N, C-alpha and C. Protein backbone atom coordinates (compact mmCIF):
# COMPACT_ATOMS: atom_id res chain seq x y z
N UNK A 1 8.40 -11.81 -9.37
CA UNK A 1 8.08 -11.19 -10.63
C UNK A 1 8.46 -12.14 -11.74
N UNK A 2 7.63 -12.22 -12.75
CA UNK A 2 7.89 -13.13 -13.86
C UNK A 2 8.19 -12.31 -15.12
N UNK A 3 9.28 -12.67 -15.78
CA UNK A 3 9.67 -11.99 -17.02
C UNK A 3 9.27 -12.85 -18.21
N UNK A 4 8.77 -12.21 -19.24
CA UNK A 4 8.46 -12.92 -20.48
C UNK A 4 9.73 -13.06 -21.30
N UNK A 5 9.85 -14.18 -22.00
CA UNK A 5 11.03 -14.36 -22.84
C UNK A 5 10.82 -13.82 -24.25
N UNK A 6 9.61 -13.32 -24.55
CA UNK A 6 9.32 -12.71 -25.84
C UNK A 6 8.04 -11.88 -25.71
N UNK A 7 7.94 -10.76 -26.44
CA UNK A 7 6.72 -9.97 -26.36
C UNK A 7 5.51 -10.69 -26.96
N UNK A 8 5.74 -11.57 -27.93
CA UNK A 8 4.69 -12.38 -28.55
C UNK A 8 5.22 -13.80 -28.68
N UNK A 9 4.32 -14.77 -28.75
CA UNK A 9 4.75 -16.16 -28.85
C UNK A 9 5.48 -16.46 -30.15
N UNK A 10 5.22 -15.70 -31.19
CA UNK A 10 5.85 -15.97 -32.49
C UNK A 10 7.18 -15.27 -32.67
N UNK A 11 7.55 -14.40 -31.73
CA UNK A 11 8.81 -13.66 -31.87
C UNK A 11 10.01 -14.60 -31.79
N UNK A 12 10.98 -14.32 -32.61
CA UNK A 12 12.22 -15.09 -32.61
C UNK A 12 13.36 -14.13 -32.79
N UNK A 13 14.46 -14.19 -32.17
CA UNK A 13 14.86 -15.16 -31.15
C UNK A 13 14.30 -14.79 -29.78
N UNK A 14 14.28 -15.77 -28.94
CA UNK A 14 13.81 -15.55 -27.57
C UNK A 14 14.84 -14.73 -26.81
N UNK A 15 14.36 -13.99 -25.82
CA UNK A 15 15.24 -13.18 -24.98
C UNK A 15 15.73 -14.08 -23.85
N UNK A 16 17.03 -14.04 -23.60
CA UNK A 16 17.59 -14.80 -22.49
C UNK A 16 17.30 -14.02 -21.21
N UNK A 17 16.25 -14.41 -20.51
CA UNK A 17 15.84 -13.66 -19.33
C UNK A 17 16.80 -13.84 -18.16
N UNK A 18 17.72 -14.78 -18.26
CA UNK A 18 18.73 -14.95 -17.20
C UNK A 18 19.73 -13.78 -17.21
N UNK A 19 19.85 -13.12 -18.36
CA UNK A 19 20.81 -12.01 -18.48
C UNK A 19 20.17 -10.65 -18.21
N UNK A 20 18.87 -10.61 -18.02
CA UNK A 20 18.19 -9.34 -17.79
C UNK A 20 18.53 -8.82 -16.40
N UNK A 21 19.00 -7.60 -16.32
CA UNK A 21 19.33 -6.95 -15.06
C UNK A 21 18.45 -5.70 -14.91
N UNK A 22 17.32 -5.83 -14.23
CA UNK A 22 16.48 -4.64 -14.07
C UNK A 22 17.21 -3.58 -13.26
N UNK A 23 17.07 -2.34 -13.68
CA UNK A 23 17.75 -1.28 -12.93
C UNK A 23 16.93 -0.92 -11.69
N UNK A 24 17.63 -0.55 -10.66
CA UNK A 24 16.97 -0.16 -9.42
C UNK A 24 16.29 1.19 -9.63
N UNK A 25 15.17 1.35 -8.99
CA UNK A 25 14.48 2.63 -9.08
C UNK A 25 14.37 3.23 -7.68
N UNK A 26 14.26 4.52 -7.65
CA UNK A 26 14.13 5.25 -6.39
C UNK A 26 12.79 5.96 -6.36
N UNK A 27 12.31 6.20 -5.16
CA UNK A 27 11.06 6.94 -5.04
C UNK A 27 11.18 8.32 -5.67
N UNK A 28 12.38 8.88 -5.64
CA UNK A 28 12.57 10.22 -6.20
C UNK A 28 12.40 10.23 -7.72
N UNK A 29 12.45 9.05 -8.37
CA UNK A 29 12.25 8.96 -9.81
C UNK A 29 10.78 9.09 -10.20
N UNK A 30 9.87 8.94 -9.24
CA UNK A 30 8.44 8.93 -9.52
C UNK A 30 7.87 10.34 -9.46
N UNK A 31 6.75 10.53 -10.18
CA UNK A 31 6.06 11.82 -10.08
C UNK A 31 5.38 11.88 -8.71
N UNK A 32 4.95 13.07 -8.32
CA UNK A 32 4.43 13.31 -6.97
C UNK A 32 3.28 12.41 -6.58
N UNK A 33 2.29 12.27 -7.45
CA UNK A 33 1.11 11.48 -7.11
C UNK A 33 1.46 10.00 -6.98
N UNK A 34 2.27 9.49 -7.90
CA UNK A 34 2.67 8.08 -7.85
C UNK A 34 3.52 7.81 -6.62
N UNK A 35 4.43 8.73 -6.33
CA UNK A 35 5.29 8.57 -5.16
C UNK A 35 4.46 8.53 -3.89
N UNK A 36 3.48 9.42 -3.78
CA UNK A 36 2.61 9.45 -2.61
C UNK A 36 1.87 8.13 -2.45
N UNK A 37 1.37 7.59 -3.55
CA UNK A 37 0.65 6.31 -3.51
C UNK A 37 1.56 5.18 -3.06
N UNK A 38 2.77 5.14 -3.61
CA UNK A 38 3.72 4.08 -3.26
C UNK A 38 4.13 4.19 -1.79
N UNK A 39 4.38 5.40 -1.32
CA UNK A 39 4.76 5.58 0.09
C UNK A 39 3.64 5.15 1.02
N UNK A 40 2.38 5.45 0.66
CA UNK A 40 1.24 5.03 1.47
C UNK A 40 1.15 3.51 1.50
N UNK A 41 1.34 2.88 0.33
CA UNK A 41 1.28 1.42 0.27
C UNK A 41 2.38 0.80 1.14
N UNK A 42 3.58 1.39 1.09
CA UNK A 42 4.70 0.88 1.90
C UNK A 42 4.40 1.05 3.39
N UNK A 43 3.84 2.20 3.77
CA UNK A 43 3.48 2.45 5.16
C UNK A 43 2.44 1.44 5.62
N UNK A 44 1.40 1.25 4.81
CA UNK A 44 0.34 0.31 5.16
C UNK A 44 0.87 -1.11 5.31
N UNK A 45 1.80 -1.49 4.43
CA UNK A 45 2.38 -2.82 4.50
C UNK A 45 3.17 -3.01 5.81
N UNK A 46 3.95 -1.97 6.19
CA UNK A 46 4.70 -2.05 7.45
C UNK A 46 3.76 -2.12 8.64
N UNK A 47 2.69 -1.31 8.61
CA UNK A 47 1.74 -1.31 9.71
C UNK A 47 1.08 -2.67 9.88
N UNK A 48 0.66 -3.27 8.76
CA UNK A 48 0.03 -4.59 8.83
C UNK A 48 0.99 -5.63 9.37
N UNK A 49 2.26 -5.56 8.95
CA UNK A 49 3.26 -6.51 9.43
C UNK A 49 3.45 -6.40 10.94
N UNK A 50 3.28 -5.18 11.46
CA UNK A 50 3.42 -4.96 12.90
C UNK A 50 2.11 -5.15 13.66
N UNK A 51 1.04 -5.48 12.93
CA UNK A 51 -0.26 -5.68 13.56
C UNK A 51 -0.93 -4.36 13.95
N UNK A 52 -0.53 -3.28 13.31
CA UNK A 52 -1.08 -1.96 13.59
C UNK A 52 -2.04 -1.53 12.49
N UNK A 53 -2.89 -0.54 12.76
CA UNK A 53 -3.85 -0.10 11.73
C UNK A 53 -3.16 0.60 10.55
N UNK A 54 -3.74 0.41 9.36
CA UNK A 54 -3.24 1.11 8.18
C UNK A 54 -3.63 2.58 8.27
N UNK A 55 -3.18 3.38 7.33
CA UNK A 55 -3.47 4.81 7.34
C UNK A 55 -4.97 5.06 7.30
N UNK A 56 -5.69 4.34 6.44
CA UNK A 56 -7.15 4.51 6.35
C UNK A 56 -7.84 4.07 7.63
N UNK A 57 -7.41 2.95 8.18
CA UNK A 57 -8.00 2.46 9.43
C UNK A 57 -7.74 3.44 10.57
N UNK A 58 -6.53 3.99 10.62
CA UNK A 58 -6.20 4.95 11.67
C UNK A 58 -7.03 6.21 11.54
N UNK A 59 -7.25 6.64 10.31
CA UNK A 59 -8.08 7.83 10.06
C UNK A 59 -9.50 7.59 10.57
N UNK A 60 -10.05 6.40 10.30
CA UNK A 60 -11.40 6.07 10.78
C UNK A 60 -11.44 6.02 12.31
N UNK A 61 -10.40 5.44 12.92
CA UNK A 61 -10.36 5.39 14.39
C UNK A 61 -10.28 6.79 14.99
N UNK A 62 -9.51 7.67 14.35
CA UNK A 62 -9.40 9.05 14.83
C UNK A 62 -10.73 9.78 14.75
N UNK A 63 -11.46 9.57 13.65
CA UNK A 63 -12.77 10.19 13.48
C UNK A 63 -13.73 9.67 14.55
N UNK A 64 -13.69 8.38 14.81
CA UNK A 64 -14.55 7.79 15.83
C UNK A 64 -14.22 8.35 17.21
N UNK A 65 -12.95 8.45 17.54
CA UNK A 65 -12.55 9.00 18.85
C UNK A 65 -12.99 10.45 18.98
N UNK A 66 -12.88 11.21 17.91
CA UNK A 66 -13.32 12.61 17.91
C UNK A 66 -14.84 12.68 18.14
N UNK A 67 -15.57 11.78 17.49
CA UNK A 67 -17.02 11.74 17.67
C UNK A 67 -17.37 11.39 19.11
N UNK A 68 -16.67 10.39 19.66
CA UNK A 68 -16.92 10.00 21.05
C UNK A 68 -16.66 11.16 22.00
N UNK A 69 -15.57 11.89 21.76
CA UNK A 69 -15.22 13.01 22.63
C UNK A 69 -16.25 14.14 22.54
N UNK A 70 -16.83 14.33 21.37
CA UNK A 70 -17.80 15.40 21.21
C UNK A 70 -19.20 15.00 21.67
N UNK A 71 -19.40 13.71 21.97
CA UNK A 71 -20.70 13.22 22.44
C UNK A 71 -20.52 12.35 23.69
N UNK A 72 -20.12 12.98 24.80
CA UNK A 72 -19.89 12.20 26.02
C UNK A 72 -21.17 11.58 26.60
N UNK A 73 -22.32 12.10 26.16
CA UNK A 73 -23.58 11.56 26.67
C UNK A 73 -23.90 10.18 26.10
N UNK A 74 -23.23 9.80 25.03
CA UNK A 74 -23.49 8.50 24.40
C UNK A 74 -22.58 7.44 25.00
N UNK A 75 -23.13 6.26 25.21
CA UNK A 75 -22.38 5.14 25.79
C UNK A 75 -21.91 4.20 24.67
N UNK A 76 -20.61 4.12 24.49
CA UNK A 76 -20.03 3.26 23.46
C UNK A 76 -19.41 2.00 24.04
N UNK A 77 -19.63 1.75 25.32
CA UNK A 77 -18.95 0.64 25.99
C UNK A 77 -19.30 -0.73 25.42
N UNK A 78 -20.51 -0.91 24.92
CA UNK A 78 -20.91 -2.21 24.36
C UNK A 78 -20.94 -2.20 22.83
N UNK A 79 -20.45 -1.14 22.22
CA UNK A 79 -20.48 -1.02 20.76
C UNK A 79 -19.41 -1.92 20.15
N UNK A 80 -19.80 -2.62 19.10
CA UNK A 80 -18.85 -3.45 18.35
C UNK A 80 -18.56 -2.72 17.04
N UNK A 81 -17.40 -2.14 16.97
CA UNK A 81 -17.03 -1.33 15.81
C UNK A 81 -15.85 -1.99 15.11
N UNK A 82 -16.04 -2.24 13.82
CA UNK A 82 -14.97 -2.89 13.05
C UNK A 82 -14.27 -1.87 12.20
């Protein structure tokens, strides 16, 4: 993260960004919608790091599996699905 030493280039005096101590924030400080978005992003980041599907990718895979189960007459063995 990059901190600006002034809100505008003409501002004087400059802020000593070495002394800036950002306060820690908690998920509980966020409103419901923002918290949900941040938690999803964190989950997706962990999944990608582990080489696993993200929440959206998993949802798509689940829908595909449900479709396959409801249509056993269709052959998906040679299907290339991304």
